[in-house]
Amino acid sequence: MCTCMTMKTQDVYFGRTLDLDYRFGERVVITPRNYSFALKSGDSFETWYAMVGMATVAEGYPLYAEATNEKGLSMAGLYFPENAWYGHIAPGKRNLAPYEFIPWVVGSFAQVKELRRELDQVWITDMAFSHNMPVAPLHWMVSDGRESVVVEQTREGLHVYDNPAGVLTNNPAFPYHQMNLNNYMNLTCQPPQNRFSKVLSLKAYGSGMGAIGLPGDDSPSSRFVKACFLKANSQCQGDDESSVAQFFHILDSVSVVRGSSVVQDKECNITTYACCTNATRGVYYYKTYSNNQLTAVRMTEENKNAEKLSIYELEERQQIHYMN
């Protein structure tokens, strides 16, 4: 369970919620330029662009949940169980394990249009990072502030979908979410008009009634609709502080509260963290379930030109500003 979104004001923003019933040792990680990645296929590549995002680091390898590069290209992987399908190595293809997809894309391309030219050669393989890190069923959203696409590999093959809404959640496959929005075309942020009856005198008795019927549960389809509606009607000033605040308000509306979504063994899904990257300036903002205060990590020139990963531990303890 996750929700991903991109938004543009004066700058471009990209971020997501990460909804899980466990933690994976995540930290904010900056990968520098010219960092070498060995691929499970036996191939390798070096990054053209530095990137920042949330990852767990294993054997010097950043396993990114999402990342943004210095050119503003952003990508996130979201849970896609039962629909995601990965194959064996395909000769003549760019074979990538799921965990290799984000660093390869974000480390190699500056714009979605560049990536589009290469995606027909990409094949996602069923190779795990290690025996104790099984393959994760994912689909991906890629955005650069001009356009967004969703990439899904199912048994029918690898699919690339235009994503004009700039939002992604989880199951079902992306075409369903696009179609499902048609069920909510009557919702409005304006006061509702009486279309019920010409005979009955009906009027709104409170604000927000034009959006009655807007989903509020934690299901992927509901989170998709709600995030799309709030983003489409979002109003905020264009400066960075206002934009970041607005972005997190939208993510908060689709965040998962402990106890509202119980999974197996009575464990609860929660929004373990939410993040927002100013993709124009290379600043990564985040907050965790236990700490509501925003923490920021800048992608500096020193980070970009380093010889190793820059790793920042999460601020997990609640930060409270006492006035007296």
Protein backbone atom coordinates (compact mmCIF):
# COMPACT_ATOMS: atom_id res chain seq x y z
CA MET A 1 0.00 0.00 0.00
CA CYS A 2 1.44 3.34 -1.10
CA THR A 3 0.41 6.54 -2.83
CA CYS A 4 2.71 8.42 -5.21
CA MET A 5 2.16 11.89 -6.64
CA THR A 6 3.83 14.66 -8.59
CA MET A 7 2.85 18.34 -8.45
CA LYS A 8 4.09 21.50 -10.13
CA THR A 9 3.98 25.06 -8.82
CA GLN A 10 7.01 27.28 -9.38
CA ASP A 11 9.11 24.13 -8.88
CA VAL A 12 8.41 20.46 -9.54
CA TYR A 13 7.63 18.14 -6.62
CA PHE A 14 7.53 14.37 -6.39
CA GLY A 15 6.81 12.16 -3.41
CA ARG A 16 4.91 9.33 -1.87
CA THR A 17 3.65 7.56 1.21
CA LEU A 18 5.22 4.21 2.07
CA ASP A 19 2.57 2.04 3.73
CA LEU A 20 3.80 -1.21 5.29
CA ASP A 21 3.41 -3.36 8.39
CA TYR A 22 7.21 -3.52 8.86
CA ARG A 23 10.36 -1.44 8.40
CA PHE A 24 13.16 -2.27 5.96
CA GLY A 25 16.09 -0.35 7.42
CA GLU A 26 15.37 2.66 5.25
CA ARG A 27 17.55 5.77 5.27
CA VAL A 28 17.95 8.82 3.05
CA VAL A 29 20.67 7.93 0.56
CA ILE A 30 22.43 10.07 -2.05
CA THR A 31 24.16 8.16 -4.84
CA PRO A 32 26.86 10.22 -6.59
CA ARG A 33 27.64 10.52 -10.27
CA ASN A 34 29.76 7.77 -11.83
CA TYR A 35 28.69 5.25 -9.18
CA SER A 36 29.00 1.71 -10.48
CA PHE A 37 26.09 -0.72 -10.29
CA ALA A 38 26.64 -4.41 -11.00
CA LEU A 39 23.55 -6.07 -12.49
CA LYS A 40 22.34 -9.60 -11.81
CA SER A 41 22.42 -10.25 -15.56
CA GLY A 42 26.20 -9.88 -15.48
CA ASP A 43 26.11 -6.43 -17.06
CA SER A 44 26.81 -3.16 -15.22
CA PHE A 45 26.37 0.58 -15.58
CA GLU A 46 27.65 3.81 -14.05
CA THR A 47 25.34 6.66 -13.11
CA TRP A 48 25.36 9.77 -15.24
CA TYR A 49 23.36 11.65 -12.63
CA ALA A 50 23.40 11.79 -8.85
CA MET A 51 20.17 10.86 -7.07
CA VAL A 52 18.54 11.18 -3.66
CA GLY A 53 15.79 9.07 -2.13
CA MET A 54 14.83 6.57 0.53
CA ALA A 55 16.69 3.27 0.42
CA THR A 56 18.12 0.44 2.42
CA VAL A 57 21.79 -0.16 1.69
CA ALA A 58 23.05 -3.73 1.37
CA GLU A 59 26.63 -4.53 0.36
CA GLY A 60 27.08 -0.97 -0.88
CA TYR A 61 23.97 -1.23 -3.03
CA PRO A 62 21.17 1.33 -2.45
CA LEU A 63 17.81 -0.43 -2.78
CA TYR A 64 15.64 2.59 -3.52
CA ALA A 65 11.93 2.82 -2.82
CA GLU A 66 11.92 6.12 -4.72
CA ALA A 67 14.57 8.53 -6.01
CA THR A 68 15.02 11.85 -7.80
CA ASN A 69 18.08 12.80 -9.84
CA GLU A 70 19.86 16.12 -10.24
CA LYS A 71 18.03 16.79 -13.53
CA GLY A 72 14.62 16.42 -11.89
CA LEU A 73 13.65 12.95 -13.11
CA SER A 74 11.86 11.03 -10.34
CA MET A 75 10.71 7.44 -9.96
CA ALA A 76 8.97 5.34 -7.31
CA GLY A 77 8.16 1.67 -6.99
CA LEU A 78 4.79 0.72 -5.48
CA TYR A 79 3.44 -2.62 -4.32
CA PHE A 80 1.65 -4.49 -7.13
CA PRO A 81 0.94 -8.02 -5.83
CA GLU A 82 -0.48 -10.80 -8.01
CA ASN A 83 -0.40 -8.55 -11.08
CA ALA A 84 3.36 -8.00 -11.35
CA TRP A 85 5.09 -10.76 -13.30
CA TYR A 86 8.81 -11.08 -13.97
CA GLY A 87 10.51 -13.44 -16.40
CA HIS A 88 13.86 -15.12 -16.89
CA ILE A 89 16.71 -13.33 -18.64
CA ALA A 90 15.70 -12.48 -22.21
CA PRO A 91 18.50 -12.43 -24.81
CA GLY A 92 18.92 -9.09 -26.55
CA LYS A 93 17.03 -7.18 -23.86
CA ARG A 94 18.15 -4.81 -21.11
CA ASN A 95 17.55 -7.29 -18.30
CA LEU A 96 16.93 -5.62 -14.94
CA ALA A 97 15.92 -7.07 -11.61
CA PRO A 98 13.11 -5.06 -9.96
CA TYR A 99 15.49 -3.44 -7.44
CA GLU A 100 17.80 -2.38 -10.29
CA PHE A 101 15.10 -0.55 -12.25
CA ILE A 102 15.03 2.68 -10.23
CA PRO A 103 18.80 3.30 -10.07
CA TRP A 104 19.17 2.47 -13.77
CA VAL A 105 16.39 4.86 -14.85
CA VAL A 106 17.16 7.71 -12.45
CA GLY A 107 20.91 7.34 -12.87
CA SER A 108 20.78 7.27 -16.68
CA PHE A 109 18.05 9.62 -17.94
CA ALA A 110 17.17 13.29 -17.58
CA GLN A 111 13.66 13.24 -19.05
CA VAL A 112 10.79 10.82 -19.54
CA LYS A 113 11.02 11.24 -23.32
CA GLU A 114 14.58 9.87 -23.24
CA LEU A 115 13.45 6.88 -21.19
CA ARG A 116 10.55 6.14 -23.54
CA ARG A 117 12.99 5.42 -26.37
CA GLU A 118 14.65 2.69 -24.30
CA LEU A 119 11.73 1.03 -22.55
CA ASP A 120 10.87 -1.32 -25.41
CA GLN A 121 14.26 -2.96 -24.78
CA VAL A 122 13.70 -3.36 -21.01
CA TRP A 123 12.77 -6.68 -19.44
CA ILE A 124 12.20 -7.07 -15.69
CA THR A 125 13.63 -10.35 -14.44
CA ASP A 126 12.70 -12.53 -11.49
CA MET A 127 16.13 -12.30 -9.84
CA ALA A 128 16.23 -11.42 -6.14
CA PHE A 129 18.96 -9.37 -4.52
CA SER A 130 19.72 -12.22 -2.12
CA HIS A 131 18.09 -15.31 -0.66
CA ASN A 132 16.81 -13.32 2.34
CA MET A 133 15.51 -10.43 0.18
CA PRO A 134 12.78 -11.92 -2.03
CA VAL A 135 11.64 -10.30 -5.25
CA ALA A 136 9.08 -7.54 -4.58
CA PRO A 137 6.02 -7.32 -6.90
CA LEU A 138 6.07 -3.69 -8.05
CA HIS A 139 4.93 -1.25 -10.65
CA TRP A 140 6.53 2.16 -11.14
CA MET A 141 5.73 5.81 -11.75
CA VAL A 142 8.26 8.03 -13.53
CA SER A 143 7.90 11.81 -13.81
CA ASP A 144 9.93 14.83 -14.85
CA GLY A 145 7.51 17.72 -14.33
CA ARG A 146 6.46 17.70 -17.98
CA GLU A 147 4.95 14.23 -18.19
CA SER A 148 4.43 11.11 -16.11
CA VAL A 149 4.24 7.47 -17.08
CA VAL A 150 3.42 4.23 -15.30
CA VAL A 151 5.40 1.09 -16.07
CA GLU A 152 3.87 -2.31 -15.34
CA GLN A 153 5.12 -5.75 -16.33
CA THR A 154 2.47 -8.46 -16.27
CA ARG A 155 2.15 -11.85 -17.97
CA GLU A 156 1.07 -9.97 -21.10
CA GLY A 157 4.38 -8.09 -21.21
CA LEU A 158 5.81 -4.72 -20.25
CA HIS A 159 3.32 -1.85 -20.53
CA VAL A 160 3.93 1.90 -20.48
CA TYR A 161 0.92 4.11 -19.73
CA ASP A 162 0.64 7.88 -19.95
CA ASN A 163 -0.36 9.24 -16.55
CA PRO A 164 -1.86 12.72 -16.94
CA ALA A 165 -3.19 12.65 -13.36
CA GLY A 166 0.33 12.23 -11.97
CA VAL A 167 -0.88 9.84 -9.25
CA LEU A 168 -0.31 6.12 -8.63
CA THR A 169 -1.37 3.69 -5.90
CA ASN A 170 -1.49 -0.12 -6.03
CA ASN A 171 -3.84 -2.79 -7.46
CA PRO A 172 -5.63 -3.15 -9.82
CA ALA A 173 -3.60 -2.44 -12.97
CA PHE A 174 -3.31 1.21 -13.95
CA PRO A 175 -5.95 1.23 -16.75
CA TYR A 176 -8.59 0.39 -14.12
CA HIS A 177 -7.70 3.47 -12.05
CA GLN A 178 -7.94 5.68 -15.13
CA MET A 179 -11.34 4.24 -16.01
CA ASN A 180 -12.59 4.40 -12.41
CA LEU A 181 -12.15 8.18 -12.30
CA ASN A 182 -15.15 8.43 -14.62
CA ASN A 183 -17.35 7.31 -11.74
CA TYR A 184 -16.51 10.50 -9.86
CA MET A 185 -16.77 13.15 -12.58
CA ASN A 186 -19.70 14.82 -10.80
CA LEU A 187 -17.66 15.65 -7.70
CA THR A 188 -16.78 19.29 -7.29
CA CYS A 189 -14.97 21.53 -4.85
CA GLN A 190 -17.75 24.11 -5.42
CA PRO A 191 -21.08 24.20 -3.54
CA PRO A 192 -23.41 21.61 -5.13
CA GLN A 193 -26.32 22.60 -7.35
CA ASN A 194 -29.78 21.09 -6.92
CA ARG A 195 -30.10 18.61 -9.78
CA PHE A 196 -32.17 16.20 -7.70
CA SER A 197 -35.57 17.76 -8.34
CA LYS A 198 -37.11 20.84 -9.90
CA VAL A 199 -39.96 20.55 -7.43
CA LEU A 200 -38.07 20.16 -4.16
CA SER A 201 -36.22 23.13 -2.72
CA LEU A 202 -32.87 21.61 -1.78
CA LYS A 203 -29.77 23.48 -0.72
CA ALA A 204 -26.39 22.76 0.82
CA TYR A 205 -26.33 23.04 4.61
CA GLY A 206 -22.55 22.92 4.96
CA SER A 207 -19.35 23.45 3.02
CA GLY A 208 -17.70 20.65 1.09
CA MET A 209 -20.95 18.98 0.07
CA GLY A 210 -20.04 19.09 -3.61
CA ALA A 211 -17.60 16.28 -2.92
CA ILE A 212 -19.99 13.95 -1.11
CA GLY A 213 -19.08 10.52 -2.39
CA LEU A 214 -15.34 11.16 -2.43
CA PRO A 215 -13.77 7.94 -1.08
CA GLY A 216 -12.02 8.02 2.26
CA ASP A 217 -11.02 4.43 2.94
CA ASP A 218 -7.51 2.97 2.67
CA SER A 219 -8.07 0.86 -0.46
CA PRO A 220 -5.81 1.57 -3.45
CA SER A 221 -8.66 2.64 -5.72
CA SER A 222 -10.04 5.03 -3.09
CA ARG A 223 -6.66 6.56 -2.35
CA PHE A 224 -6.11 7.06 -6.08
CA VAL A 225 -9.41 8.93 -6.52
CA LYS A 226 -8.94 11.07 -3.43
CA ALA A 227 -5.37 12.04 -4.27
CA CYS A 228 -6.40 12.91 -7.84
CA PHE A 229 -9.31 15.05 -6.63
CA LEU A 230 -7.26 16.96 -4.06
CA LYS A 231 -4.35 17.50 -6.44
CA ALA A 232 -6.66 18.67 -9.25
CA ASN A 233 -8.30 21.24 -6.96
CA SER A 234 -5.18 22.20 -5.02
CA GLN A 235 -4.58 25.89 -4.38
CA CYS A 236 -1.36 27.15 -2.84
CA GLN A 237 1.28 29.81 -3.32
CA GLY A 238 4.18 28.86 -5.53
CA ASP A 239 7.04 29.27 -3.07
CA ASP A 240 8.83 26.20 -1.77
CA GLU A 241 7.53 26.29 1.80
CA SER A 242 3.91 26.65 0.69
CA SER A 243 4.28 23.96 -1.97
CA VAL A 244 5.91 21.47 0.37
CA ALA A 245 3.23 22.09 3.01
CA GLN A 246 0.46 21.59 0.44
CA PHE A 247 2.08 18.42 -0.89
CA PHE A 248 2.22 16.87 2.57
CA HIS A 249 -1.38 17.90 3.29
CA ILE A 250 -2.48 15.92 0.23
CA LEU A 251 -0.37 12.93 1.28
CA ASP A 252 -1.79 13.16 4.80
CA SER A 253 -5.28 12.74 3.37
CA VAL A 254 -4.35 9.29 2.03
CA SER A 255 -2.03 8.21 4.84
CA VAL A 256 -2.78 5.02 6.76
CA VAL A 257 -3.36 5.30 10.50
CA ARG A 258 -2.33 2.44 12.78
CA GLY A 259 -5.39 0.28 13.38
CA SER A 260 -7.33 1.23 10.25
CA SER A 261 -5.82 -1.49 8.05
CA VAL A 262 -5.06 -4.82 9.73
CA VAL A 263 -3.14 -7.47 7.80
CA GLN A 264 -2.15 -11.01 8.73
CA ASP A 265 -1.30 -11.89 12.33
CA LYS A 266 -3.07 -8.71 13.49
CA GLU A 267 -0.21 -6.54 12.26
CA CYS A 268 -1.23 -3.11 10.95
CA ASN A 269 -0.28 -1.29 7.81
CA ILE A 270 0.80 2.26 8.60
CA THR A 271 2.35 5.09 6.63
CA THR A 272 5.90 4.44 7.83
CA TYR A 273 7.10 7.59 6.10
CA ALA A 274 5.94 10.24 3.67
CA CYS A 275 8.31 12.19 1.46
CA CYS A 276 8.35 15.10 -0.96
CA THR A 277 11.31 16.00 -3.14
CA ASN A 278 11.74 19.41 -4.67
CA ALA A 279 12.94 17.90 -7.93
CA THR A 280 13.97 21.30 -9.28
CA ARG A 281 16.32 22.09 -6.40
CA GLY A 282 17.27 18.61 -5.23
CA VAL A 283 15.91 18.82 -1.69
CA TYR A 284 14.37 15.71 -0.11
CA TYR A 285 11.80 16.32 2.67
CA TYR A 286 10.37 13.52 4.78
CA LYS A 287 8.52 12.72 7.97
CA THR A 288 7.96 9.38 9.70
CA TYR A 289 4.99 7.90 11.52
CA SER A 290 6.63 8.68 14.86
CA ASN A 291 7.96 12.14 13.96
CA ASN A 292 5.66 14.66 12.29
CA GLN A 293 8.32 17.34 11.93
CA LEU A 294 9.74 17.67 8.43
CA THR A 295 13.40 16.83 7.96
CA ALA A 296 15.27 17.88 4.82
CA VAL A 297 18.35 16.55 3.06
CA ARG A 298 19.95 18.64 0.32
CA MET A 299 21.75 17.06 -2.62
CA THR A 300 24.91 19.20 -2.59
CA GLU A 301 27.76 19.35 -5.09
CA GLU A 302 29.89 17.51 -2.55
CA ASN A 303 27.31 14.71 -2.44
CA LYS A 304 27.05 14.59 -6.24
CA ASN A 305 30.82 14.26 -6.71
CA ALA A 306 31.55 11.94 -3.78
CA GLU A 307 33.19 8.56 -4.29
CA LYS A 308 30.74 6.73 -2.05
CA LEU A 309 27.13 6.88 -0.93
CA SER A 310 26.00 9.65 1.42
CA ILE A 311 23.72 8.07 4.03
CA TYR A 312 21.53 9.96 6.50
CA GLU A 313 19.81 8.20 9.39
CA LEU A 314 16.13 9.00 9.88
CA GLU A 315 14.93 11.36 12.57
CA GLU A 316 12.42 9.05 14.23
CA ARG A 317 11.88 10.70 17.61
CA GLN A 318 8.96 13.12 17.78
CA GLN A 319 10.18 16.72 17.58
CA ILE A 320 8.01 19.17 19.54
CA HIS A 321 8.62 22.90 19.76
CA TYR A 322 7.67 24.03 23.26
CA MET A 323 6.61 27.67 23.50
CA ASN A 324 7.00 28.00 27.30
